Protein backbone atom coordinates (compact mmCIF):
# COMPACT_ATOMS: atom_id res chain seq x y z
CA UNK A 1 -13.46 -32.63 61.94
CA UNK A 2 -13.64 -29.07 63.17
CA UNK A 3 -16.77 -27.85 64.92
CA UNK A 4 -19.68 -28.14 62.47
CA UNK A 5 -21.01 -24.83 61.21
CA UNK A 6 -23.00 -25.89 58.15
CA UNK A 7 -25.18 -28.75 56.95
CA UNK A 8 -25.63 -30.06 53.41
CA UNK A 9 -28.72 -32.10 52.48
CA UNK A 10 -28.35 -34.45 49.51
CA UNK A 11 -30.49 -37.04 47.78
CA UNK A 12 -29.13 -40.45 46.87
CA UNK A 13 -30.26 -40.20 43.25
CA UNK A 14 -31.71 -43.71 43.11
CA UNK A 15 -35.32 -44.61 42.42
CA UNK A 16 -37.48 -44.69 45.53
CA UNK A 17 -40.21 -47.35 45.63
CA UNK A 18 -43.84 -46.27 46.11
CA UNK A 19 -44.32 -48.25 49.30
CA UNK A 20 -42.42 -47.30 52.45
CA UNK A 21 -38.95 -48.78 52.37
CA UNK A 22 -38.50 -51.93 54.45
CA UNK A 23 -35.77 -51.95 57.05
CA UNK A 24 -33.98 -54.69 55.08
CA UNK A 25 -34.10 -52.62 51.86
CA UNK A 26 -32.75 -49.58 53.72
CA UNK A 27 -29.87 -51.62 55.15
CA UNK A 28 -29.09 -52.92 51.66
CA UNK A 29 -29.13 -49.36 50.30
CA UNK A 30 -26.78 -48.22 53.09
CA UNK A 31 -24.41 -51.04 52.16
CA UNK A 32 -24.55 -50.02 48.51
CA UNK A 33 -23.69 -46.42 49.48
CA UNK A 34 -20.81 -47.71 51.58
CA UNK A 35 -19.53 -49.94 48.78
CA UNK A 36 -19.70 -47.09 46.22
CA UNK A 37 -17.92 -44.76 48.61
CA UNK A 38 -15.20 -47.35 49.35
CA UNK A 39 -14.66 -47.61 45.57
CA UNK A 40 -13.99 -43.85 45.55
CA UNK A 41 -11.27 -44.44 48.14
CA UNK A 42 -13.22 -42.94 51.04
CA UNK A 43 -12.88 -44.37 54.56
CA UNK A 44 -16.63 -45.03 54.90
CA UNK A 45 -20.00 -43.66 53.86
CA UNK A 46 -19.45 -40.01 53.01
CA UNK A 47 -22.67 -38.85 54.71
CA UNK A 48 -23.06 -38.47 58.45
CA UNK A 49 -26.76 -39.36 58.34
CA UNK A 50 -29.08 -41.05 55.85
CA UNK A 51 -32.89 -40.92 55.99
CA UNK A 52 -34.82 -43.72 54.30
CA UNK A 53 -38.27 -43.46 52.73
CA UNK A 54 -39.98 -44.59 55.95
CA UNK A 55 -38.32 -41.73 57.86
CA UNK A 56 -35.78 -43.85 59.71
CA UNK A 57 -32.56 -41.98 60.41
CA UNK A 58 -29.38 -44.02 59.89
CA UNK A 59 -25.98 -43.00 61.13
CA UNK A 60 -23.34 -43.11 58.42
CA UNK A 61 -20.02 -41.54 59.29
CA UNK A 62 -19.56 -40.38 62.88
CA UNK A 63 -19.87 -36.60 63.20
CA UNK A 64 -16.43 -36.38 64.78
CA UNK A 65 -15.02 -37.37 61.35
CA UNK A 66 -15.05 -35.05 58.38
CA UNK A 67 -17.53 -36.14 55.72
CA UNK A 68 -16.84 -36.90 52.08
CA UNK A 69 -20.07 -35.63 50.58
CA UNK A 70 -19.73 -32.02 49.45
CA UNK A 71 -17.22 -32.32 46.63
CA UNK A 72 -13.83 -31.59 48.19
CA UNK A 73 -12.03 -31.27 51.52
CA UNK A 74 -12.62 -27.51 51.79
CA UNK A 75 -16.38 -27.89 51.28
CA UNK A 76 -16.53 -30.78 53.75
CA UNK A 77 -14.79 -28.90 56.59
CA UNK A 78 -17.27 -28.21 59.37
CA UNK A 79 -20.05 -29.65 57.20
CA UNK A 80 -22.54 -32.30 58.34
CA UNK A 81 -23.80 -34.38 55.40
CA UNK A 82 -27.36 -35.70 55.34
CA UNK A 83 -28.66 -37.87 52.49
CA UNK A 84 -32.30 -38.67 51.79
CA UNK A 85 -32.71 -41.96 49.94
CA UNK A 86 -34.42 -41.43 46.59
CA UNK A 87 -34.20 -39.23 43.52
CA UNK A 88 -35.85 -35.88 44.15
CA UNK A 89 -35.46 -34.71 40.59
CA UNK A 90 -38.06 -37.43 39.88
CA UNK A 91 -40.39 -37.21 42.90
CA UNK A 92 -40.71 -35.45 46.23
CA UNK A 93 -39.37 -36.98 49.46
CA UNK A 94 -41.93 -38.82 51.54
CA UNK A 95 -43.73 -37.00 54.34
CA UNK A 96 -41.89 -39.30 56.76
CA UNK A 97 -38.52 -38.25 55.34
CA UNK A 98 -39.39 -34.56 55.58
CA UNK A 99 -40.53 -34.98 59.18
CA UNK A 100 -37.39 -36.93 60.10
CA UNK A 101 -35.20 -34.35 58.36
CA UNK A 102 -36.83 -31.53 60.32
CA UNK A 103 -36.29 -33.42 63.58
CA UNK A 104 -32.67 -34.20 62.73
CA UNK A 105 -31.94 -30.59 61.70
CA UNK A 106 -33.49 -29.33 64.94
CA UNK A 107 -31.41 -31.76 66.98
CA UNK A 108 -28.18 -30.91 65.12
CA UNK A 109 -28.67 -27.15 65.44
CA UNK A 110 -29.64 -27.06 69.11
CA UNK A 111 -26.78 -29.10 70.56
């Protein structure tokens, strides 16, 4: 991947439980993302980072590899993909997710 110069934040689109997500549930969700992305013919999870409902940040695809999250190769060039687990057309991200996203964005933009 070329040097990142933009970041896209997505939501997974799945229902988010009311209680904070357990680590096991987050791992299972990551595996379901990976499986769905493999079915699309992608090399791995299309996102570089995923943030679960408890605010844990998971590494998906290494940032040295171009993502497969923004729709096509041109849109993915130089683009870091971050996904928040949940469906934010239905409800807002958790406070923990927002805090983790802010921290991750700060880290990514100050390197």
